[in-house]
Amino acid sequence: MSNEVFKDASKMSGGRESDDAIIVIEGVFKRFKDFEALKNINMQVGRKEVVVVIGPSGSGKSTLIRCINRLEAHDDGHILVDGTALTTDIRNIQ
């Protein structure tokens, strides 16, 4: 996937610091065999912020959302929701 769909996400979020964000995505990669569905994705979503993920078919939109909601495991990088890494037990996230 081309990183072009997500390359300006930090600009759109006003360059906010990660401690103000409810969702932080840093250097996320997702591969399906030899295909890179997500390549070095970086973005932040603030509290009460509405974010729209747009892009052409096959650009990784659904894969990104599936990684955020843990329907898919990302291969590299970090996804934090309210400061909790999604690689840890998320039952306490509210």
PDB file of N, CA and C in Angstrom:
ATOM      1  N   MET A   1       0.832  -1.177   0.000  1.00  0.00           N
ATOM      2  CA  MET A   1       0.000   0.000   0.000  1.00  0.00           C
ATOM      3  C   MET A   1       0.874   1.236   0.000  1.00  0.00           C
ATOM      4  N   SER A   2       0.456   2.195  -0.690  1.00  0.00           N
ATOM      5  CA  SER A   2       1.154   3.475  -0.668  1.00  0.00           C
ATOM      6  C   SER A   2       0.799   4.210   0.611  1.00  0.00           C
ATOM      7  N   ASN A   3       1.794   4.829   1.207  1.00  0.00           N
ATOM      8  CA  ASN A   3       1.573   5.581   2.438  1.00  0.00           C
ATOM      9  C   ASN A   3       0.936   6.934   2.147  1.00  0.00           C
ATOM     10  N   GLU A   4       0.652   7.245   0.880  1.00  0.00           N
ATOM     11  CA  GLU A   4       0.115   8.550   0.496  1.00  0.00           C
ATOM     12  C   GLU A   4      -1.231   8.838   1.141  1.00  0.00           C
ATOM     13  N   VAL A   5      -2.049   7.823   1.349  1.00  0.00           N
ATOM     14  CA  VAL A   5      -3.372   8.031   1.930  1.00  0.00           C
ATOM     15  C   VAL A   5      -3.250   8.628   3.326  1.00  0.00           C
ATOM     16  N   PHE A   6      -2.211   8.254   4.067  1.00  0.00           N
ATOM     17  CA  PHE A   6      -2.067   8.652   5.459  1.00  0.00           C
ATOM     18  C   PHE A   6      -0.958   9.664   5.690  1.00  0.00           C
ATOM     19  N   LYS A   7      -0.218  10.066   4.654  1.00  0.00           N
ATOM     20  CA  LYS A   7       1.001  10.848   4.866  1.00  0.00           C
ATOM     21  C   LYS A   7       0.768  12.206   5.512  1.00  0.00           C
ATOM     22  N   ASP A   8      -0.387  12.801   5.347  1.00  0.00           N
ATOM     23  CA  ASP A   8      -0.645  14.117   5.915  1.00  0.00           C
ATOM     24  C   ASP A   8      -1.526  14.067   7.157  1.00  0.00           C
ATOM     25  N   ALA A   9      -1.689  12.896   7.742  1.00  0.00           N
ATOM     26  CA  ALA A   9      -2.579  12.765   8.900  1.00  0.00           C
ATOM     27  C   ALA A   9      -2.135  13.640  10.060  1.00  0.00           C
ATOM     28  N   SER A  10      -0.829  13.737  10.298  1.00  0.00           N
ATOM     29  CA  SER A  10      -0.377  14.556  11.426  1.00  0.00           C
ATOM     30  C   SER A  10      -0.629  16.031  11.173  1.00  0.00           C
ATOM     31  N   LYS A  11      -0.566  16.459   9.909  1.00  0.00           N
ATOM     32  CA  LYS A  11      -0.863  17.856   9.583  1.00  0.00           C
ATOM     33  C   LYS A  11      -2.338  18.148   9.822  1.00  0.00           C
ATOM     34  N   MET A  12      -3.200  17.193   9.441  1.00  0.00           N
ATOM     35  CA  MET A  12      -4.631  17.395   9.593  1.00  0.00           C
ATOM     36  C   MET A  12      -5.036  17.414  11.059  1.00  0.00           C
ATOM     37  N   SER A  13      -4.280  16.718  11.901  1.00  0.00           N
ATOM     38  CA  SER A  13      -4.633  16.696  13.321  1.00  0.00           C
ATOM     39  C   SER A  13      -4.039  17.873  14.070  1.00  0.00           C
ATOM     40  N   GLY A  14      -3.461  18.808  13.342  1.00  0.00           N
ATOM     41  CA  GLY A  14      -2.927  20.007  13.967  1.00  0.00           C
ATOM     42  C   GLY A  14      -1.598  19.792  14.652  1.00  0.00           C
ATOM     43  N   GLY A  15      -0.923  18.668  14.344  1.00  0.00           N
ATOM     44  CA  GLY A  15       0.373  18.393  14.936  1.00  0.00           C
ATOM     45  C   GLY A  15       0.322  18.229  16.443  1.00  0.00           C
ATOM     46  N   ARG A  16      -0.804  17.760  16.955  1.00  0.00           N
ATOM     47  CA  ARG A  16      -1.008  17.637  18.397  1.00  0.00           C
ATOM     48  C   ARG A  16      -0.011  16.654  18.985  1.00  0.00           C
ATOM     49  N   GLU A  17       0.331  16.861  20.231  1.00  0.00           N
ATOM     50  CA  GLU A  17       1.209  15.948  20.953  1.00  0.00           C
ATOM     51  C   GLU A  17       0.427  14.688  21.306  1.00  0.00           C
ATOM     52  N   SER A  18       1.124  13.554  21.410  1.00  0.00           N
ATOM     53  CA  SER A  18       0.459  12.278  21.631  1.00  0.00           C
ATOM     54  C   SER A  18      -0.285  12.212  22.962  1.00  0.00           C
ATOM     55  N   ASP A  19       0.090  13.019  23.976  1.00  0.00           N
ATOM     56  CA  ASP A  19      -0.628  12.963  25.244  1.00  0.00           C
ATOM     57  C   ASP A  19      -2.020  13.582  25.154  1.00  0.00           C
ATOM     58  N   ASP A  20      -2.327  14.282  24.079  1.00  0.00           N
ATOM     59  CA  ASP A  20      -3.661  14.826  23.846  1.00  0.00           C
ATOM     60  C   ASP A  20      -4.520  13.886  23.007  1.00  0.00           C
ATOM     61  N   ALA A  21      -3.929  12.828  22.483  1.00  0.00           N
ATOM     62  CA  ALA A  21      -4.622  11.946  21.552  1.00  0.00           C
ATOM     63  C   ALA A  21      -5.233  10.759  22.284  1.00  0.00           C
ATOM     64  N   ILE A  22      -6.394  10.322  21.807  1.00  0.00           N
ATOM     65  CA  ILE A  22      -7.040   9.128  22.339  1.00  0.00           C
ATOM     66  C   ILE A  22      -6.535   7.887  21.601  1.00  0.00           C
ATOM     67  N   ILE A  23      -6.187   8.047  20.310  1.00  0.00           N
ATOM     68  CA  ILE A  23      -5.599   6.962  19.515  1.00  0.00           C
ATOM     69  C   ILE A  23      -4.297   7.467  18.927  1.00  0.00           C
ATOM     70  N   VAL A  24      -3.226   6.701  19.124  1.00  0.00           N
ATOM     71  CA  VAL A  24      -1.921   7.031  18.555  1.00  0.00           C
ATOM     72  C   VAL A  24      -1.448   5.822  17.762  1.00  0.00           C
ATOM     73  N   ILE A  25      -1.104   6.058  16.503  1.00  0.00           N
ATOM     74  CA  ILE A  25      -0.596   5.008  15.622  1.00  0.00           C
ATOM     75  C   ILE A  25       0.798   5.429  15.191  1.00  0.00           C
ATOM     76  N   GLU A  26       1.785   4.588  15.469  1.00  0.00           N
ATOM     77  CA  GLU A  26       3.175   4.922  15.178  1.00  0.00           C
ATOM     78  C   GLU A  26       3.855   3.782  14.431  1.00  0.00           C
ATOM     79  N   GLY A  27       4.276   4.040  13.202  1.00  0.00           N
ATOM     80  CA  GLY A  27       5.071   3.088  12.435  1.00  0.00           C
ATOM     81  C   GLY A  27       4.421   1.734  12.244  1.00  0.00           C
ATOM     82  N   VAL A  28       3.125   1.711  11.980  1.00  0.00           N
ATOM     83  CA  VAL A  28       2.397   0.447  11.870  1.00  0.00           C
ATOM     84  C   VAL A  28       2.566  -0.169  10.482  1.00  0.00           C
ATOM     85  N   PHE A  29       2.902  -1.449  10.488  1.00  0.00           N
ATOM     86  CA  PHE A  29       3.006  -2.254   9.275  1.00  0.00           C
ATOM     87  C   PHE A  29       2.081  -3.453   9.422  1.00  0.00           C
ATOM     88  N   LYS A  30       1.469  -3.864   8.325  1.00  0.00           N
ATOM     89  CA  LYS A  30       0.684  -5.097   8.276  1.00  0.00           C
ATOM     90  C   LYS A  30       0.979  -5.770   6.951  1.00  0.00           C
ATOM     91  N   ARG A  31       1.407  -7.021   7.020  1.00  0.00           N
ATOM     92  CA  ARG A  31       1.747  -7.776   5.817  1.00  0.00           C
ATOM     93  C   ARG A  31       0.858  -9.008   5.715  1.00  0.00           C
ATOM     94  N   PHE A  32       0.490  -9.330   4.496  1.00  0.00           N
ATOM     95  CA  PHE A  32      -0.176 -10.582   4.186  1.00  0.00           C
ATOM     96  C   PHE A  32       0.752 -11.311   3.227  1.00  0.00           C
ATOM     97  N   LYS A  33       1.504 -12.270   3.746  1.00  0.00           N
ATOM     98  CA  LYS A  33       2.568 -12.958   2.999  1.00  0.00           C
ATOM     99  C   LYS A  33       3.548 -11.920   2.467  1.00  0.00           C
ATOM    100  N   ASP A  34       3.669 -11.772   1.149  1.00  0.00           N
ATOM    101  CA  ASP A  34       4.617 -10.810   0.571  1.00  0.00           C
ATOM    102  C   ASP A  34       3.993  -9.443   0.296  1.00  0.00           C
ATOM    103  N   PHE A  35       2.708  -9.267   0.593  1.00  0.00           N
ATOM    104  CA  PHE A  35       2.014  -8.010   0.303  1.00  0.00           C
ATOM    105  C   PHE A  35       1.967  -7.125   1.546  1.00  0.00           C
ATOM    106  N   GLU A  36       2.455  -5.883   1.431  1.00  0.00           N
ATOM    107  CA  GLU A  36       2.376  -4.921   2.531  1.00  0.00           C
ATOM    108  C   GLU A  36       1.070  -4.144   2.419  1.00  0.00           C
ATOM    109  N   ALA A  37       0.123  -4.457   3.289  1.00  0.00           N
ATOM    110  CA  ALA A  37      -1.163  -3.758   3.271  1.00  0.00           C
ATOM    111  C   ALA A  37      -1.046  -2.397   3.943  1.00  0.00           C
ATOM    112  N   LEU A  38      -0.237  -2.311   5.002  1.00  0.00           N
ATOM    113  CA  LEU A  38       0.031  -1.051   5.694  1.00  0.00           C
ATOM    114  C   LEU A  38       1.538  -0.897   5.802  1.00  0.00           C
ATOM    115  N   LYS A  39       2.018   0.287   5.466  1.00  0.00           N
ATOM    116  CA  LYS A  39       3.467   0.523   5.473  1.00  0.00           C
ATOM    117  C   LYS A  39       3.769   1.814   6.221  1.00  0.00           C
ATOM    118  N   ASN A  40       4.303   1.683   7.424  1.00  0.00           N
ATOM    119  CA  ASN A  40       4.760   2.814   8.229  1.00  0.00           C
ATOM    120  C   ASN A  40       3.674   3.878   8.422  1.00  0.00           C
ATOM    121  N   ILE A  41       2.528   3.456   8.933  1.00  0.00           N
ATOM    122  CA  ILE A  41       1.406   4.367   9.157  1.00  0.00           C
ATOM    123  C   ILE A  41       1.596   5.096  10.485  1.00  0.00           C
ATOM    124  N   ASN A  42       1.445   6.421  10.454  1.00  0.00           N
ATOM    125  CA  ASN A  42       1.562   7.271  11.638  1.00  0.00           C
ATOM    126  C   ASN A  42       0.398   8.252  11.644  1.00  0.00           C
ATOM    127  N   MET A  43      -0.362   8.274  12.732  1.00  0.00           N
ATOM    128  CA  MET A  43      -1.432   9.258  12.865  1.00  0.00           C
ATOM    129  C   MET A  43      -1.904   9.313  14.308  1.00  0.00           C
ATOM    130  N   GLN A  44      -2.627  10.366  14.629  1.00  0.00           N
ATOM    131  CA  GLN A  44      -3.208  10.540  15.955  1.00  0.00           C
ATOM    132  C   GLN A  44      -4.651  10.998  15.804  1.00  0.00           C
ATOM    133  N   VAL A  45      -5.472  10.572  16.743  1.00  0.00           N
ATOM    134  CA  VAL A  45      -6.870  10.992  16.777  1.00  0.00           C
ATOM    135  C   VAL A  45      -7.136  11.557  18.169  1.00  0.00           C
ATOM    136  N   GLY A  46      -7.595  12.797  18.220  1.00  0.00           N
ATOM    137  CA  GLY A  46      -7.880  13.448  19.496  1.00  0.00           C
ATOM    138  C   GLY A  46      -9.259  13.101  20.018  1.00  0.00           C
ATOM    139  N   ARG A  47      -9.460  13.353  21.291  1.00  0.00           N
ATOM    140  CA  ARG A  47     -10.779  13.154  21.907  1.00  0.00           C
ATOM    141  C   ARG A  47     -11.804  14.048  21.205  1.00  0.00           C
ATOM    142  N   LYS A  48     -12.961  13.511  20.953  1.00  0.00           N
ATOM    143  CA  LYS A  48     -14.076  14.209  20.300  1.00  0.00           C
ATOM    144  C   LYS A  48     -13.767  14.610  18.867  1.00  0.00           C
ATOM    145  N   GLU A  49     -12.668  14.133  18.309  1.00  0.00           N
ATOM    146  CA  GLU A  49     -12.317  14.429  16.922  1.00  0.00           C
ATOM    147  C   GLU A  49     -12.959  13.384  16.016  1.00  0.00           C
ATOM    148  N   VAL A  50     -13.480  13.815  14.888  1.00  0.00           N
ATOM    149  CA  VAL A  50     -14.041  12.918  13.891  1.00  0.00           C
ATOM    150  C   VAL A  50     -13.011  12.764  12.782  1.00  0.00           C
ATOM    151  N   VAL A  51     -12.672  11.524  12.466  1.00  0.00           N
ATOM    152  CA  VAL A  51     -11.666  11.243  11.449  1.00  0.00           C
ATOM    153  C   VAL A  51     -12.296  10.387  10.362  1.00  0.00           C
ATOM    154  N   VAL A  52     -11.997  10.716   9.130  1.00  0.00           N
ATOM    155  CA  VAL A  52     -12.463   9.949   7.985  1.00  0.00           C
ATOM    156  C   VAL A  52     -11.241   9.384   7.283  1.00  0.00           C
ATOM    157  N   VAL A  53     -11.254   8.091   7.032  1.00  0.00           N
ATOM    158  CA  VAL A  53     -10.165   7.443   6.306  1.00  0.00           C
ATOM    159  C   VAL A  53     -10.662   7.200   4.890  1.00  0.00           C
ATOM    160  N   ILE A  54     -10.024   7.866   3.924  1.00  0.00           N
ATOM    161  CA  ILE A  54     -10.438   7.722   2.532  1.00  0.00           C
ATOM    162  C   ILE A  54      -9.243   7.285   1.697  1.00  0.00           C
ATOM    163  N   GLY A  55      -9.540   6.672   0.581  1.00  0.00           N
ATOM    164  CA  GLY A  55      -8.495   6.255  -0.340  1.00  0.00           C
ATOM    165  C   GLY A  55      -9.063   5.273  -1.341  1.00  0.00           C
ATOM    166  N   PRO A  56      -8.274   4.961  -2.352  1.00  0.00           N
ATOM    167  CA  PRO A  56      -8.742   4.042  -3.385  1.00  0.00           C
ATOM    168  C   PRO A  56      -8.867   2.613  -2.860  1.00  0.00           C
ATOM    169  N   SER A  57      -9.571   1.798  -3.613  1.00  0.00           N
ATOM    170  CA  SER A  57      -9.722   0.393  -3.281  1.00  0.00           C
ATOM    171  C   SER A  57      -8.345  -0.252  -3.129  1.00  0.00           C
ATOM    172  N   GLY A  58      -8.177  -1.005  -2.063  1.00  0.00           N
ATOM    173  CA  GLY A  58      -6.915  -1.698  -1.844  1.00  0.00           C
ATOM    174  C   GLY A  58      -5.835  -0.872  -1.180  1.00  0.00           C
ATOM    175  N   SER A  59      -6.171   0.324  -0.695  1.00  0.00           N
ATOM    176  CA  SER A  59      -5.147   1.198  -0.112  1.00  0.00           C
ATOM    177  C   SER A  59      -4.896   0.932   1.369  1.00  0.00           C
ATOM    178  N   GLY A  60      -5.673   0.053   2.000  1.00  0.00           N
ATOM    179  CA  GLY A  60      -5.426  -0.316   3.388  1.00  0.00           C
ATOM    180  C   GLY A  60      -6.372   0.287   4.406  1.00  0.00           C
ATOM    181  N   LYS A  61      -7.438   0.930   3.951  1.00  0.00           N
ATOM    182  CA  LYS A  61      -8.370   1.579   4.883  1.00  0.00           C
ATOM    183  C   LYS A  61      -8.987   0.573   5.856  1.00  0.00           C
ATOM    184  N   SER A  62      -9.568  -0.473   5.330  1.00  0.00           N
ATOM    185  CA  SER A  62     -10.216  -1.477   6.183  1.00  0.00           C
ATOM    186  C   SER A  62      -9.200  -2.206   7.047  1.00  0.00           C
ATOM    187  N   THR A  63      -8.032  -2.472   6.499  1.00  0.00           N
ATOM    188  CA  THR A  63      -6.984  -3.140   7.271  1.00  0.00           C
ATOM    189  C   THR A  63      -6.571  -2.285   8.459  1.00  0.00           C
ATOM    190  N   LEU A  64      -6.436  -0.982   8.254  1.00  0.00           N
ATOM    191  CA  LEU A  64      -6.087  -0.084   9.352  1.00  0.00           C
ATOM    192  C   LEU A  64      -7.150  -0.133  10.445  1.00  0.00           C
ATOM    193  N   ILE A  65      -8.408  -0.032  10.068  1.00  0.00           N
ATOM    194  CA  ILE A  65      -9.496  -0.064  11.051  1.00  0.00           C
ATOM    195  C   ILE A  65      -9.519  -1.413  11.766  1.00  0.00           C
ATOM    196  N   ARG A  66      -9.300  -2.494  11.031  1.00  0.00           N
ATOM    197  CA  ARG A  66      -9.275  -3.832  11.635  1.00  0.00           C
ATOM    198  C   ARG A  66      -8.117  -3.983  12.620  1.00  0.00           C
ATOM    199  N   CYS A  67      -7.007  -3.312  12.361  1.00  0.00           N
ATOM    200  CA  CYS A  67      -5.879  -3.337  13.310  1.00  0.00           C
ATOM    201  C   CYS A  67      -6.207  -2.523  14.557  1.00  0.00           C
ATOM    202  N   ILE A  68      -6.868  -1.389  14.374  1.00  0.00           N
ATOM    203  CA  ILE A  68      -7.234  -0.552  15.523  1.00  0.00           C
ATOM    204  C   ILE A  68      -8.222  -1.283  16.434  1.00  0.00           C
ATOM    205  N   ASN A  69      -9.199  -1.972  15.841  1.00  0.00           N
ATOM    206  CA  ASN A  69     -10.191  -2.653  16.683  1.00  0.00           C
ATOM    207  C   ASN A  69      -9.837  -4.116  16.966  1.00  0.00           C
ATOM    208  N   ARG A  70      -8.595  -4.492  16.657  1.00  0.00           N
ATOM    209  CA  ARG A  70      -8.006  -5.792  16.974  1.00  0.00           C
ATOM    210  C   ARG A  70      -8.634  -6.976  16.270  1.00  0.00           C
ATOM    211  N   LEU A  71      -9.274  -6.751  15.139  1.00  0.00           N
ATOM    212  CA  LEU A  71      -9.718  -7.878  14.325  1.00  0.00           C
ATOM    213  C   LEU A  71      -8.552  -8.454  13.536  1.00  0.00           C
ATOM    214  N   GLU A  72      -7.509  -7.653  13.340  1.00  0.00           N
ATOM    215  CA  GLU A  72      -6.248  -8.080  12.722  1.00  0.00           C
ATOM    216  C   GLU A  72      -5.125  -7.652  13.654  1.00  0.00           C
ATOM    217  N   ALA A  73      -4.073  -8.437  13.713  1.00  0.00           N
ATOM    218  CA  ALA A  73      -2.884  -8.047  14.477  1.00  0.00           C
ATOM    219  C   ALA A  73      -1.917  -7.348  13.530  1.00  0.00           C
ATOM    220  N   HIS A  74      -1.402  -6.188  13.932  1.00  0.00           N
ATOM    221  CA  HIS A  74      -0.400  -5.522  13.108  1.00  0.00           C
ATOM    222  C   HIS A  74       0.946  -6.195  13.351  1.00  0.00           C
ATOM    223  N   ASP A  75       1.825  -6.133  12.337  1.00  0.00           N
ATOM    224  CA  ASP A  75       3.101  -6.838  12.404  1.00  0.00           C
ATOM    225  C   ASP A  75       4.186  -6.036  13.108  1.00  0.00           C
ATOM    226  N   ASP A  76       4.221  -4.739  12.888  1.00  0.00           N
ATOM    227  CA  ASP A  76       5.231  -3.867  13.481  1.00  0.00           C
ATOM    228  C   ASP A  76       4.577  -2.553  13.873  1.00  0.00           C
ATOM    229  N   GLY A  77       5.242  -1.806  14.736  1.00  0.00           N
ATOM    230  CA  GLY A  77       4.752  -0.504  15.154  1.00  0.00           C
ATOM    231  C   GLY A  77       3.905  -0.600  16.409  1.00  0.00           C
ATOM    232  N   HIS A  78       3.267   0.524  16.730  1.00  0.00           N
ATOM    233  CA  HIS A  78       2.496   0.627  17.968  1.00  0.00           C
ATOM    234  C   HIS A  78       1.146   1.279  17.708  1.00  0.00           C
ATOM    235  N   ILE A  79       0.125   0.743  18.334  1.00  0.00           N
ATOM    236  CA  ILE A  79      -1.193   1.370  18.359  1.00  0.00           C
ATOM    237  C   ILE A  79      -1.573   1.491  19.829  1.00  0.00           C
ATOM    238  N   LEU A  80      -1.835   2.725  20.248  1.00  0.00           N
ATOM    239  CA  LEU A  80      -2.243   2.971  21.629  1.00  0.00           C
ATOM    240  C   LEU A  80      -3.642   3.571  21.641  1.00  0.00           C
ATOM    241  N   VAL A  81      -4.481   3.077  22.531  1.00  0.00           N
ATOM    242  CA  VAL A  81      -5.814   3.627  22.738  1.00  0.00           C
ATOM    243  C   VAL A  81      -5.868   4.110  24.178  1.00  0.00           C
ATOM    244  N   ASP A  82      -6.034   5.411  24.325  1.00  0.00           N
ATOM    245  CA  ASP A  82      -6.054   6.050  25.643  1.00  0.00           C
ATOM    246  C   ASP A  82      -4.820   5.662  26.463  1.00  0.00           C
ATOM    247  N   GLY A  83      -3.673   5.614  25.790  1.00  0.00           N
ATOM    248  CA  GLY A  83      -2.402   5.330  26.446  1.00  0.00           C
ATOM    249  C   GLY A  83      -2.077   3.868  26.652  1.00  0.00           C
ATOM    250  N   THR A  84      -2.986   2.972  26.279  1.00  0.00           N
ATOM    251  CA  THR A  84      -2.767   1.539  26.447  1.00  0.00           C
ATOM    252  C   THR A  84      -2.428   0.908  25.110  1.00  0.00           C
ATOM    253  N   ALA A  85      -1.296   0.210  25.059  1.00  0.00           N
ATOM    254  CA  ALA A  85      -0.894  -0.469  23.824  1.00  0.00           C
ATOM    255  C   ALA A  85      -1.863  -1.604  23.532  1.00  0.00           C
ATOM    256  N   LEU A  86      -2.210  -1.775  22.269  1.00  0.00           N
ATOM    257  CA  LEU A  86      -3.160  -2.822  21.909  1.00  0.00           C
ATOM    258  C   LEU A  86      -2.554  -4.211  21.976  1.00  0.00           C
ATOM    259  N   THR A  87      -1.268  -4.305  22.263  1.00  0.00           N
ATOM    260  CA  THR A  87      -0.653  -5.615  22.454  1.00  0.00           C
ATOM    261  C   THR A  87      -0.853  -6.113  23.880  1.00  0.00           C
ATOM    262  N   THR A  88      -1.397  -5.265  24.744  1.00  0.00           N
ATOM    263  CA  THR A  88      -1.657  -5.656  26.131  1.00  0.00           C
ATOM    264  C   THR A  88      -3.136  -5.984  26.295  1.00  0.00           C
ATOM    265  N   ASP A  89      -3.507  -6.379  27.471  1.00  0.00           N
ATOM    266  CA  ASP A  89      -4.902  -6.699  27.772  1.00  0.00           C
ATOM    267  C   ASP A  89      -5.730  -5.417  27.719  1.00  0.00           C
ATOM    268  N   ILE A  90      -6.703  -5.372  26.816  1.00  0.00           N
ATOM    269  CA  ILE A  90      -7.471  -4.140  26.620  1.00  0.00           C
ATOM    270  C   ILE A  90      -8.836  -4.174  27.305  1.00  0.00           C
ATOM    271  N   ARG A  91      -9.100  -5.152  28.126  1.00  0.00           N
ATOM    272  CA  ARG A  91     -10.418  -5.235  28.764  1.00  0.00           C
ATOM    273  C   ARG A  91     -10.702  -4.053  29.682  1.00  0.00           C
ATOM    274  N   ASN A  92      -9.651  -3.370  30.123  1.00  0.00           N
ATOM    275  CA  ASN A  92      -9.851  -2.243  31.033  1.00  0.00           C
ATOM    276  C   ASN A  92      -9.960  -0.901  30.325  1.00  0.00           C
ATOM    277  N   ILE A  93      -9.829  -0.889  28.992  1.00  0.00           N
ATOM    278  CA  ILE A  93      -9.978   0.365  28.250  1.00  0.00           C
ATOM    279  C   ILE A  93     -11.454   0.725  28.217  1.00  0.00           C
ATOM    280  N   GLN A  94     -11.765   1.985  28.540  1.00  0.00           N
ATOM    281  CA  GLN A  94     -13.166   2.415  28.528  1.00  0.00           C
ATOM    282  C   GLN A  94     -13.358   3.560  27.576  1.00  0.00           C
TER     283      GLN A  94
END
